C-alpha atoms as a PDB file:
ATOM      1  CA  UNK A   1      26.133  -5.356 -16.198  1.00  0.00           C
ATOM      2  CA  UNK A   2      22.993  -3.303 -16.398  1.00  0.00           C
ATOM      3  CA  UNK A   3      22.043  -0.169 -14.066  1.00  0.00           C
ATOM      4  CA  UNK A   4      19.525  -2.448 -11.878  1.00  0.00           C
ATOM      5  CA  UNK A   5      23.046  -4.533 -10.901  1.00  0.00           C
ATOM      6  CA  UNK A   6      25.354  -2.382 -10.182  1.00  0.00           C
ATOM      7  CA  UNK A   7      27.482  -2.530  -6.959  1.00  0.00           C
ATOM      8  CA  UNK A   8      26.895   0.337  -4.266  1.00  0.00           C
ATOM      9  CA  UNK A   9      30.564   1.704  -5.572  1.00  0.00           C
ATOM     10  CA  UNK A  10      28.979   1.686  -9.005  1.00  0.00           C
ATOM     11  CA  UNK A  11      26.358   3.383  -8.448  1.00  0.00           C
ATOM     12  CA  UNK A  12      26.125   7.228  -9.073  1.00  0.00           C
ATOM     13  CA  UNK A  13      26.747   9.908  -6.527  1.00  0.00           C
ATOM     14  CA  UNK A  14      24.022   9.636  -4.062  1.00  0.00           C
ATOM     15  CA  UNK A  15      23.895  12.878  -2.431  1.00  0.00           C
ATOM     16  CA  UNK A  16      23.422  14.231  -6.046  1.00  0.00           C
ATOM     17  CA  UNK A  17      20.104  12.353  -6.120  1.00  0.00           C
ATOM     18  CA  UNK A  18      19.154  12.646  -2.292  1.00  0.00           C
ATOM     19  CA  UNK A  19      19.133  16.778  -1.883  1.00  0.00           C
ATOM     20  CA  UNK A  20      17.467  17.871  -4.917  1.00  0.00           C
ATOM     21  CA  UNK A  21      14.689  15.273  -4.316  1.00  0.00           C
ATOM     22  CA  UNK A  22      14.961  16.077  -0.615  1.00  0.00           C
ATOM     23  CA  UNK A  23      14.635  19.734  -1.572  1.00  0.00           C
ATOM     24  CA  UNK A  24      11.561  19.135  -3.937  1.00  0.00           C
ATOM     25  CA  UNK A  25       9.858  17.378  -0.985  1.00  0.00           C
ATOM     26  CA  UNK A  26      10.185  19.947   1.141  1.00  0.00           C
ATOM     27  CA  UNK A  27       8.385  22.340  -1.263  1.00  0.00           C
ATOM     28  CA  UNK A  28       6.136  20.072  -3.157  1.00  0.00           C
ATOM     29  CA  UNK A  29       5.203  16.880  -1.176  1.00  0.00           C
ATOM     30  CA  UNK A  30       0.963  16.758  -0.256  1.00  0.00           C
ATOM     31  CA  UNK A  31      -0.235  17.626   3.157  1.00  0.00           C
ATOM     32  CA  UNK A  32      -1.566  14.540   3.627  1.00  0.00           C
ATOM     33  CA  UNK A  33      -3.001  13.507   7.443  1.00  0.00           C
ATOM     34  CA  UNK A  34      -0.411  10.684   8.206  1.00  0.00           C
ATOM     35  CA  UNK A  35       2.523  12.673   7.565  1.00  0.00           C
ATOM     36  CA  UNK A  36       1.360  15.663   9.853  1.00  0.00           C
ATOM     37  CA  UNK A  37       3.405  15.817  13.367  1.00  0.00           C
ATOM     38  CA  UNK A  38       0.472  14.445  15.346  1.00  0.00           C
ATOM     39  CA  UNK A  39       0.120  11.302  13.215  1.00  0.00           C
ATOM     40  CA  UNK A  40       1.313   8.767  15.612  1.00  0.00           C
ATOM     41  CA  UNK A  41       2.603   5.234  14.206  1.00  0.00           C
ATOM     42  CA  UNK A  42      -0.798   3.639  14.303  1.00  0.00           C
ATOM     43  CA  UNK A  43      -1.731   5.921  11.671  1.00  0.00           C
ATOM     44  CA  UNK A  44       0.637   5.671   9.393  1.00  0.00           C
ATOM     45  CA  UNK A  45       0.177   1.825   9.696  1.00  0.00           C
ATOM     46  CA  UNK A  46      -3.214   2.019   8.889  1.00  0.00           C
ATOM     47  CA  UNK A  47      -2.506   4.403   5.927  1.00  0.00           C
ATOM     48  CA  UNK A  48      -0.481   2.284   4.664  1.00  0.00           C
ATOM     49  CA  UNK A  49      -2.557  -0.727   4.890  1.00  0.00           C
ATOM     50  CA  UNK A  50      -4.858   1.694   2.511  1.00  0.00           C
ATOM     51  CA  UNK A  51      -2.792   2.706   0.500  1.00  0.00           C
ATOM     52  CA  UNK A  52      -1.646  -0.087  -1.169  1.00  0.00           C
ATOM     53  CA  UNK A  53      -2.809  -0.165  -4.540  1.00  0.00           C
ATOM     54  CA  UNK A  54      -5.664   1.873  -3.511  1.00  0.00           C
ATOM     55  CA  UNK A  55      -5.379   6.181  -4.885  1.00  0.00           C
ATOM     56  CA  UNK A  56      -5.111   8.405  -2.103  1.00  0.00           C
ATOM     57  CA  UNK A  57      -8.129  10.332  -2.918  1.00  0.00           C
ATOM     58  CA  UNK A  58     -10.272   7.262  -1.801  1.00  0.00           C
ATOM     59  CA  UNK A  59      -8.244   6.797   1.075  1.00  0.00           C
ATOM     60  CA  UNK A  60      -8.714  10.334   2.744  1.00  0.00           C
ATOM     61  CA  UNK A  61     -12.419   9.643   3.624  1.00  0.00           C
ATOM     62  CA  UNK A  62     -12.436   6.501   5.041  1.00  0.00           C
ATOM     63  CA  UNK A  63      -8.791   6.747   6.854  1.00  0.00           C
ATOM     64  CA  UNK A  64     -10.183  10.289   8.243  1.00  0.00           C
ATOM     65  CA  UNK A  65     -13.537   7.679   9.661  1.00  0.00           C
ATOM     66  CA  UNK A  66     -11.023   4.750  10.903  1.00  0.00           C
ATOM     67  CA  UNK A  67      -8.750   7.161  12.788  1.00  0.00           C
ATOM     68  CA  UNK A  68     -11.158   9.135  14.763  1.00  0.00           C
ATOM     69  CA  UNK A  69     -13.211   5.262  15.640  1.00  0.00           C
ATOM     70  CA  UNK A  70      -9.940   3.267  16.496  1.00  0.00           C
ATOM     71  CA  UNK A  71      -6.956   5.565  17.211  1.00  0.00           C
ATOM     72  CA  UNK A  72      -4.947   3.186  18.765  1.00  0.00           C
ATOM     73  CA  UNK A  73      -5.120  -0.590  18.021  1.00  0.00           C
ATOM     74  CA  UNK A  74      -6.411  -2.135  21.028  1.00  0.00           C
ATOM     75  CA  UNK A  75      -9.501  -0.126  19.896  1.00  0.00           C
ATOM     76  CA  UNK A  76     -10.006  -1.908  16.913  1.00  0.00           C
ATOM     77  CA  UNK A  77      -9.049  -4.845  18.475  1.00  0.00           C
ATOM     78  CA  UNK A  78     -11.638  -5.026  20.625  1.00  0.00           C
ATOM     79  CA  UNK A  79     -14.352  -4.729  17.866  1.00  0.00           C
ATOM     80  CA  UNK A  80     -15.065  -7.636  15.538  1.00  0.00           C
ATOM     81  CA  UNK A  81     -13.393  -8.573  12.797  1.00  0.00           C
ATOM     82  CA  UNK A  82     -16.302  -7.511  10.199  1.00  0.00           C
ATOM     83  CA  UNK A  83     -16.572  -4.103  11.724  1.00  0.00           C
ATOM     84  CA  UNK A  84     -13.295  -3.641   9.469  1.00  0.00           C
ATOM     85  CA  UNK A  85     -14.802  -5.215   6.923  1.00  0.00           C
ATOM     86  CA  UNK A  86     -17.920  -2.863   7.409  1.00  0.00           C
ATOM     87  CA  UNK A  87     -15.753   0.197   7.587  1.00  0.00           C
ATOM     88  CA  UNK A  88     -13.404  -0.828   4.929  1.00  0.00           C
ATOM     89  CA  UNK A  89     -16.398   0.069   2.570  1.00  0.00           C
ATOM     90  CA  UNK A  90     -15.562  -0.101  -1.176  1.00  0.00           C
ATOM     91  CA  UNK A  91     -11.618   0.607  -0.839  1.00  0.00           C
ATOM     92  CA  UNK A  92     -11.409  -2.778  -2.090  1.00  0.00           C
ATOM     93  CA  UNK A  93      -9.380  -5.689  -1.545  1.00  0.00           C
ATOM     94  CA  UNK A  94     -11.203  -6.492   2.019  1.00  0.00           C
ATOM     95  CA  UNK A  95      -8.705  -8.961   3.144  1.00  0.00           C
ATOM     96  CA  UNK A  96      -6.766  -5.765   4.196  1.00  0.00           C
ATOM     97  CA  UNK A  97      -9.512  -4.875   6.595  1.00  0.00           C
ATOM     98  CA  UNK A  98      -9.172  -8.322   7.682  1.00  0.00           C
ATOM     99  CA  UNK A  99      -4.860  -8.517   7.870  1.00  0.00           C
ATOM    100  CA  UNK A 100      -5.334  -4.816   9.689  1.00  0.00           C
ATOM    101  CA  UNK A 101      -7.744  -6.273  12.377  1.00  0.00           C
ATOM    102  CA  UNK A 102      -5.413  -9.185  12.863  1.00  0.00           C
ATOM    103  CA  UNK A 103      -2.162  -6.727  13.599  1.00  0.00           C
ATOM    104  CA  UNK A 104      -4.259  -4.419  15.998  1.00  0.00           C
ATOM    105  CA  UNK A 105      -5.097  -7.524  17.678  1.00  0.00           C
ATOM    106  CA  UNK A 106      -1.369  -8.821  17.529  1.00  0.00           C
ATOM    107  CA  UNK A 107       0.054  -5.458  18.975  1.00  0.00           C
ATOM    108  CA  UNK A 108      -2.590  -5.284  21.576  1.00  0.00           C
ATOM    109  CA  UNK A 109      -1.491  -8.465  23.066  1.00  0.00           C
ATOM    110  CA  UNK A 110       2.192  -9.089  22.020  1.00  0.00           C
ATOM    111  CA  UNK A 111       3.420  -5.390  21.736  1.00  0.00           C
ATOM    112  CA  UNK A 112       1.056  -3.501  24.986  1.00  0.00           C
ATOM    113  CA  UNK A 113      -0.724  -1.916  22.356  1.00  0.00           C
ATOM    114  CA  UNK A 114       1.402   0.256  20.881  1.00  0.00           C
ATOM    115  CA  UNK A 115       3.006  -0.426  17.570  1.00  0.00           C
ATOM    116  CA  UNK A 116       6.266  -1.661  17.567  1.00  0.00           C
ATOM    117  CA  UNK A 117       9.275   0.248  16.224  1.00  0.00           C
ATOM    118  CA  UNK A 118      11.506  -2.817  15.124  1.00  0.00           C
ATOM    119  CA  UNK A 119      11.516  -3.804  11.690  1.00  0.00           C
ATOM    120  CA  UNK A 120      11.409  -7.555  13.115  1.00  0.00           C
ATOM    121  CA  UNK A 121       8.713  -7.368  15.145  1.00  0.00           C
ATOM    122  CA  UNK A 122       6.902  -5.388  12.615  1.00  0.00           C
ATOM    123  CA  UNK A 123       7.401  -7.685  10.189  1.00  0.00           C
ATOM    124  CA  UNK A 124       5.753 -10.851  12.539  1.00  0.00           C
ATOM    125  CA  UNK A 125       2.871  -8.688  13.233  1.00  0.00           C
ATOM    126  CA  UNK A 126      -0.264 -10.671  10.942  1.00  0.00           C
ATOM    127  CA  UNK A 127      -0.679  -9.186   6.919  1.00  0.00           C
ATOM    128  CA  UNK A 128       2.680  -7.299   7.303  1.00  0.00           C
ATOM    129  CA  UNK A 129       4.874  -7.551   4.432  1.00  0.00           C
ATOM    130  CA  UNK A 130       8.581  -6.560   3.261  1.00  0.00           C
ATOM    131  CA  UNK A 131       7.263  -3.274   2.119  1.00  0.00           C
ATOM    132  CA  UNK A 132       5.000  -2.280   5.092  1.00  0.00           C
ATOM    133  CA  UNK A 133       7.072  -2.852   7.801  1.00  0.00           C
ATOM    134  CA  UNK A 134       9.785  -0.912   6.365  1.00  0.00           C
ATOM    135  CA  UNK A 135       7.399   2.131   5.833  1.00  0.00           C
ATOM    136  CA  UNK A 136       6.085   2.061   8.675  1.00  0.00           C
ATOM    137  CA  UNK A 137       9.552   1.510  10.462  1.00  0.00           C
ATOM    138  CA  UNK A 138      10.910   4.406   8.266  1.00  0.00           C
ATOM    139  CA  UNK A 139       7.481   6.738   8.130  1.00  0.00           C
ATOM    140  CA  UNK A 140       6.970   6.280  11.412  1.00  0.00           C
ATOM    141  CA  UNK A 141      10.410   5.781  13.694  1.00  0.00           C
ATOM    142  CA  UNK A 142      12.415   8.113  11.085  1.00  0.00           C
ATOM    143  CA  UNK A 143      14.124   4.078  10.479  1.00  0.00           C
ATOM    144  CA  UNK A 144      16.879   3.738   7.761  1.00  0.00           C
ATOM    145  CA  UNK A 145      15.351   1.296   5.515  1.00  0.00           C
ATOM    146  CA  UNK A 146      14.836   0.684   1.420  1.00  0.00           C
ATOM    147  CA  UNK A 147      11.270   1.187   0.826  1.00  0.00           C
ATOM    148  CA  UNK A 148      10.026  -0.021  -2.602  1.00  0.00           C
ATOM    149  CA  UNK A 149       6.763   0.941  -3.466  1.00  0.00           C
ATOM    150  CA  UNK A 150       5.604   1.089  -7.231  1.00  0.00           C
ATOM    151  CA  UNK A 151       6.535   4.724  -7.486  1.00  0.00           C
ATOM    152  CA  UNK A 152       9.705   4.379  -5.425  1.00  0.00           C
ATOM    153  CA  UNK A 153      11.033   1.582  -8.296  1.00  0.00           C
ATOM    154  CA  UNK A 154       9.804   3.746 -10.986  1.00  0.00           C
ATOM    155  CA  UNK A 155      12.162   6.211 -10.201  1.00  0.00           C
ATOM    156  CA  UNK A 156      14.992   4.296  -9.658  1.00  0.00           C
ATOM    157  CA  UNK A 157      14.420   2.154 -13.223  1.00  0.00           C
ATOM    158  CA  UNK A 158      13.886   6.091 -14.835  1.00  0.00           C
ATOM    159  CA  UNK A 159      17.194   7.399 -12.829  1.00  0.00           C
ATOM    160  CA  UNK A 160      19.012   4.649 -12.402  1.00  0.00           C
ATOM    161  CA  UNK A 161      18.427   1.885 -14.720  1.00  0.00           C
ATOM    162  CA  UNK A 162      17.901   3.654 -17.508  1.00  0.00           C
ATOM    163  CA  UNK A 163      14.457   1.743 -17.878  1.00  0.00           C
ATOM    164  CA  UNK A 164      11.181   3.202 -18.610  1.00  0.00           C
ATOM    165  CA  UNK A 165       9.163   0.599 -15.991  1.00  0.00           C
ATOM    166  CA  UNK A 166      10.888  -1.857 -13.340  1.00  0.00           C
ATOM    167  CA  UNK A 167      10.294  -5.124 -13.653  1.00  0.00           C
ATOM    168  CA  UNK A 168       6.307  -6.962 -12.848  1.00  0.00           C
ATOM    169  CA  UNK A 169       7.399  -8.040  -9.434  1.00  0.00           C
ATOM    170  CA  UNK A 170      10.589  -6.694  -6.991  1.00  0.00           C
ATOM    171  CA  UNK A 171      13.528  -8.314  -7.830  1.00  0.00           C
ATOM    172  CA  UNK A 172      16.646  -8.816  -5.388  1.00  0.00           C
ATOM    173  CA  UNK A 173      19.126  -6.302  -7.650  1.00  0.00           C
ATOM    174  CA  UNK A 174      16.357  -3.259  -7.172  1.00  0.00           C
ATOM    175  CA  UNK A 175      16.354  -4.059  -3.566  1.00  0.00           C
ATOM    176  CA  UNK A 176      20.623  -4.417  -3.914  1.00  0.00           C
ATOM    177  CA  UNK A 177      19.817  -0.885  -5.549  1.00  0.00           C
ATOM    178  CA  UNK A 178      17.731   0.235  -3.436  1.00  0.00           C
ATOM    179  CA  UNK A 179      19.685   0.005  -0.112  1.00  0.00           C
ATOM    180  CA  UNK A 180      23.623   1.234  -1.905  1.00  0.00           C
ATOM    181  CA  UNK A 181      21.361   4.332  -2.608  1.00  0.00           C
ATOM    182  CA  UNK A 182      20.358   4.588   1.102  1.00  0.00           C
ATOM    183  CA  UNK A 183      21.968   7.768   2.872  1.00  0.00           C
ATOM    184  CA  UNK A 184      23.883   6.973   5.624  1.00  0.00           C
ATOM    185  CA  UNK A 185      21.596   9.052   8.245  1.00  0.00           C
ATOM    186  CA  UNK A 186      18.841   7.958   9.664  1.00  0.00           C
ATOM    187  CA  UNK A 187      16.875  10.866   9.168  1.00  0.00           C
ATOM    188  CA  UNK A 188      18.460  11.815   6.179  1.00  0.00           C
ATOM    189  CA  UNK A 189      16.918   8.068   5.008  1.00  0.00           C
ATOM    190  CA  UNK A 190      13.164   8.248   6.099  1.00  0.00           C
ATOM    191  CA  UNK A 191      13.446  11.680   4.198  1.00  0.00           C
ATOM    192  CA  UNK A 192      14.814  10.196   1.286  1.00  0.00           C
ATOM    193  CA  UNK A 193      12.027   7.082   1.294  1.00  0.00           C
ATOM    194  CA  UNK A 194       9.294   9.917   1.427  1.00  0.00           C
ATOM    195  CA  UNK A 195      10.277  11.866  -0.702  1.00  0.00           C
ATOM    196  CA  UNK A 196      11.521   9.489  -3.433  1.00  0.00           C
ATOM    197  CA  UNK A 197       7.665   8.145  -2.988  1.00  0.00           C
ATOM    198  CA  UNK A 198       6.201  11.040  -3.553  1.00  0.00           C
ATOM    199  CA  UNK A 199       7.851  12.275  -6.804  1.00  0.00           C
ATOM    200  CA  UNK A 200       6.761   8.551  -8.282  1.00  0.00           C
ATOM    201  CA  UNK A 201       3.224   9.992  -7.381  1.00  0.00           C
ATOM    202  CA  UNK A 202       3.686  12.903  -8.405  1.00  0.00           C
ATOM    203  CA  UNK A 203       6.056  13.699 -11.437  1.00  0.00           C
ATOM    204  CA  UNK A 204       7.765  10.146 -12.754  1.00  0.00           C
ATOM    205  CA  UNK A 205       4.418   9.249 -13.767  1.00  0.00           C
ATOM    206  CA  UNK A 206       3.431   5.666 -15.157  1.00  0.00           C
ATOM    207  CA  UNK A 207       1.985   7.659 -18.215  1.00  0.00           C
ATOM    208  CA  UNK A 208       2.781  11.347 -18.566  1.00  0.00           C
ATOM    209  CA  UNK A 209       5.179  12.373 -16.889  1.00  0.00           C
ATOM    210  CA  UNK A 210       6.579  16.000 -16.388  1.00  0.00           C
ATOM    211  CA  UNK A 211      10.235  15.267 -16.654  1.00  0.00           C
ATOM    212  CA  UNK A 212      10.318  19.239 -16.677  1.00  0.00           C
ATOM    213  CA  UNK A 213       9.415  19.363 -13.206  1.00  0.00           C
ATOM    214  CA  UNK A 214      11.852  16.719 -12.164  1.00  0.00           C
ATOM    215  CA  UNK A 215      14.134  17.807  -9.681  1.00  0.00           C
ATOM    216  CA  UNK A 216      16.793  15.036 -10.913  1.00  0.00           C
ATOM    217  CA  UNK A 217      15.940  15.402 -14.708  1.00  0.00           C
ATOM    218  CA  UNK A 218      19.545  16.601 -15.449  1.00  0.00           C
ATOM    219  CA  UNK A 219      20.151  13.330 -14.406  1.00  0.00           C
ATOM    220  CA  UNK A 220      17.749  10.783 -14.965  1.00  0.00           C
ATOM    221  CA  UNK A 221      19.278   8.043 -17.412  1.00  0.00           C
ATOM    222  CA  UNK A 222      16.254   7.080 -18.864  1.00  0.00           C
ATOM    223  CA  UNK A 223      16.000  10.547 -20.116  1.00  0.00           C
ATOM    224  CA  UNK A 224      19.112  11.071 -21.343  1.00  0.00           C
ATOM    225  CA  UNK A 225      19.017   7.622 -23.359  1.00  0.00           C
ATOM    226  CA  UNK A 226      16.126   9.474 -24.956  1.00  0.00           C
ATOM    227  CA  UNK A 227      13.427   7.706 -23.230  1.00  0.00           C
ATOM    228  CA  UNK A 228      13.459   4.170 -25.105  1.00  0.00           C
ATOM    229  CA  UNK A 229      10.043   2.696 -24.569  1.00  0.00           C
ATOM    230  CA  UNK A 230       9.631  -0.509 -22.422  1.00  0.00           C
ATOM    231  CA  UNK A 231      10.212  -3.446 -24.440  1.00  0.00           C
ATOM    232  CA  UNK A 232       7.528  -5.192 -22.494  1.00  0.00           C
ATOM    233  CA  UNK A 233       3.995  -5.848 -23.120  1.00  0.00           C
ATOM    234  CA  UNK A 234       2.262  -2.084 -22.702  1.00  0.00           C
ATOM    235  CA  UNK A 235       1.193  -2.447 -19.658  1.00  0.00           C
ATOM    236  CA  UNK A 236      -3.094  -2.017 -18.837  1.00  0.00           C
ATOM    237  CA  UNK A 237      -5.493  -1.514 -16.345  1.00  0.00           C
ATOM    238  CA  UNK A 238      -6.832  -4.292 -14.555  1.00  0.00           C
ATOM    239  CA  UNK A 239     -10.437  -5.185 -15.520  1.00  0.00           C
ATOM    240  CA  UNK A 240     -12.940  -5.039 -13.147  1.00  0.00           C
ATOM    241  CA  UNK A 241     -16.660  -5.483 -14.610  1.00  0.00           C
ATOM    242  CA  UNK A 242     -18.271  -8.842 -14.900  1.00  0.00           C
ATOM    243  CA  UNK A 243     -14.974  -9.902 -13.222  1.00  0.00           C
ATOM    244  CA  UNK A 244     -15.627 -12.326  -9.637  1.00  0.00           C
ATOM    245  CA  UNK A 245     -14.340  -9.273  -7.797  1.00  0.00           C
ATOM    246  CA  UNK A 246     -17.022  -6.739  -9.100  1.00  0.00           C
ATOM    247  CA  UNK A 247     -19.852  -9.745  -7.469  1.00  0.00           C
ATOM    248  CA  UNK A 248     -17.632  -9.708  -4.294  1.00  0.00           C
ATOM    249  CA  UNK A 249     -17.995  -6.010  -3.715  1.00  0.00           C
ATOM    250  CA  UNK A 250     -21.348  -6.271  -4.444  1.00  0.00           C
ATOM    251  CA  UNK A 251     -21.673  -9.095  -2.242  1.00  0.00           C
ATOM    252  CA  UNK A 252     -20.173  -7.598   0.263  1.00  0.00           C
ATOM    253  CA  UNK A 253     -22.095  -4.724   0.315  1.00  0.00           C
ATOM    254  CA  UNK A 254     -25.477  -5.883   1.104  1.00  0.00           C
ATOM    255  CA  UNK A 255     -23.534  -7.145   3.783  1.00  0.00           C
ATOM    256  CA  UNK A 256     -21.962  -4.275   5.338  1.00  0.00           C
ATOM    257  CA  UNK A 257     -25.340  -2.446   5.216  1.00  0.00           C
ATOM    258  CA  UNK A 258     -26.881  -4.779   7.004  1.00  0.00           C
ATOM    259  CA  UNK A 259     -27.494  -4.889  10.800  1.00  0.00           C
ATOM    260  CA  UNK A 260     -28.199  -8.796  11.027  1.00  0.00           C
ATOM    261  CA  UNK A 261     -27.510 -11.428   8.812  1.00  0.00           C
ATOM    262  CA  UNK A 262     -28.524 -11.955   5.374  1.00  0.00           C
ATOM    263  CA  UNK A 263     -30.646 -14.066   4.216  1.00  0.00           C
ATOM    264  CA  UNK A 264     -29.625 -15.987   0.188  1.00  0.00           C
ATOM    265  CA  UNK A 265     -32.041 -14.819  -1.262  1.00  0.00           C
ATOM    266  CA  UNK A 266     -30.595 -11.210  -0.544  1.00  0.00           C
ATOM    267  CA  UNK A 267     -27.730 -11.801  -1.943  1.00  0.00           C
ATOM    268  CA  UNK A 268     -28.986 -13.276  -4.720  1.00  0.00           C
ATOM    269  CA  UNK A 269     -30.257 -10.456  -6.038  1.00  0.00           C
ATOM    270  CA  UNK A 270     -27.045  -8.809  -6.584  1.00  0.00           C
ATOM    271  CA  UNK A 271     -25.908 -10.638  -9.693  1.00  0.00           C
ATOM    272  CA  UNK A 272     -27.598 -12.635 -12.501  1.00  0.00           C
ATOM    273  CA  UNK A 273     -25.573 -15.774 -12.793  1.00  0.00           C
ATOM    274  CA  UNK A 274     -25.660 -17.895 -10.559  1.00  0.00           C
ATOM    275  CA  UNK A 275     -22.266 -20.200 -11.130  1.00  0.00           C
ATOM    276  CA  UNK A 276     -20.056 -16.920 -11.172  1.00  0.00           C
ATOM    277  CA  UNK A 277     -22.042 -15.357  -7.629  1.00  0.00           C
ATOM    278  CA  UNK A 278     -21.756 -19.065  -6.155  1.00  0.00           C
ATOM    279  CA  UNK A 279     -18.129 -19.108  -6.749  1.00  0.00           C
ATOM    280  CA  UNK A 280     -17.682 -15.878  -4.861  1.00  0.00           C
ATOM    281  CA  UNK A 281     -19.674 -16.472  -2.343  1.00  0.00           C
ATOM    282  CA  UNK A 282     -17.622 -19.052  -1.592  1.00  0.00           C
ATOM    283  CA  UNK A 283     -14.194 -17.286  -2.166  1.00  0.00           C
ATOM    284  CA  UNK A 284     -15.563 -15.050   0.686  1.00  0.00           C
ATOM    285  CA  UNK A 285     -16.451 -17.418   2.774  1.00  0.00           C
ATOM    286  CA  UNK A 286     -12.263 -19.166   2.454  1.00  0.00           C
ATOM    287  CA  UNK A 287     -11.474 -15.668   2.398  1.00  0.00           C
ATOM    288  CA  UNK A 288     -12.691 -15.337   5.844  1.00  0.00           C
ATOM    289  CA  UNK A 289     -14.694 -12.091   4.784  1.00  0.00           C
ATOM    290  CA  UNK A 290     -17.652 -13.973   5.757  1.00  0.00           C
ATOM    291  CA  UNK A 291     -19.221 -16.344   7.918  1.00  0.00           C
ATOM    292  CA  UNK A 292     -22.156 -18.631   7.011  1.00  0.00           C
ATOM    293  CA  UNK A 293     -24.603 -19.178   9.378  1.00  0.00           C
ATOM    294  CA  UNK A 294     -27.826 -22.456   9.742  1.00  0.00           C
ATOM    295  CA  UNK A 295     -30.686 -21.620   7.706  1.00  0.00           C
ATOM    296  CA  UNK A 296     -28.985 -19.762   4.695  1.00  0.00           C
ATOM    297  CA  UNK A 297     -28.087 -16.702   6.865  1.00  0.00           C
ATOM    298  CA  UNK A 298     -24.623 -14.778   6.000  1.00  0.00           C
ATOM    299  CA  UNK A 299     -22.607 -12.184   7.813  1.00  0.00           C
ATOM    300  CA  UNK A 300     -19.895 -10.474   8.299  1.00  0.00           C
ATOM    301  CA  UNK A 301     -17.654 -12.142  10.566  1.00  0.00           C
ATOM    302  CA  UNK A 302     -17.527 -11.495  14.322  1.00  0.00           C
ATOM    303  CA  UNK A 303     -14.697 -13.682  16.207  1.00  0.00           C
END
């Protein structure tokens, strides 16, 4: 039986992990706007959408402009989805902007403009998957859920499973272990979720982990085993230059900066290779990020 398939009764003492990590978090947590007492559930939801695959440093300025412009879901729902794409700027993965706009519309129409408290209700919103539903329920409403982002999964893989990295995709075994490790009390479980995530972001990082700063280093299975190297292929950063994703970004930048529809010729100037450019533009249209108009014009979506 490997560590990632342990049954709850075989998991190391939960309080042994909880208390030092939560105490560490109390002293070392970053002062982020979505963690402050005056940040409501909508602010938490916006941050979770933006933080997917995007570092905090890039998210902060866009987040602050976003919540100032659209402090409630209904404020965003009143605007065209293209305005969400425009405000998303260069955060990347702009379909997240459309999904967040869709969630705002659903919240306004189904829940009176208030982010729902129930996990199942959150999960039913457009663009919200298991992770985001659990994160919003936990961080906004203090509920007891297993919140498994990349940072948490890495902490559990090392501290409990004794391996350098978690699997590429979240497994049923990881979810089972994370649930087994949850504190019994809702408020403590919510603190554990935030604290373990921060530990993975700041200390137990993918590269150059700082075990001397870790509050659970003395009980970390991976460290105690001598830090065996991951037996899978080395993880590489995603290539960006020259990809369709880069072309899509350049095309969207032209549309974001425009005050009206953009002619095909203006889009043609942003990338030299016509086949790749056309494929990227077709992809943007197919994803609902760009609307084609008569006469070879394009714009961000308005409805």
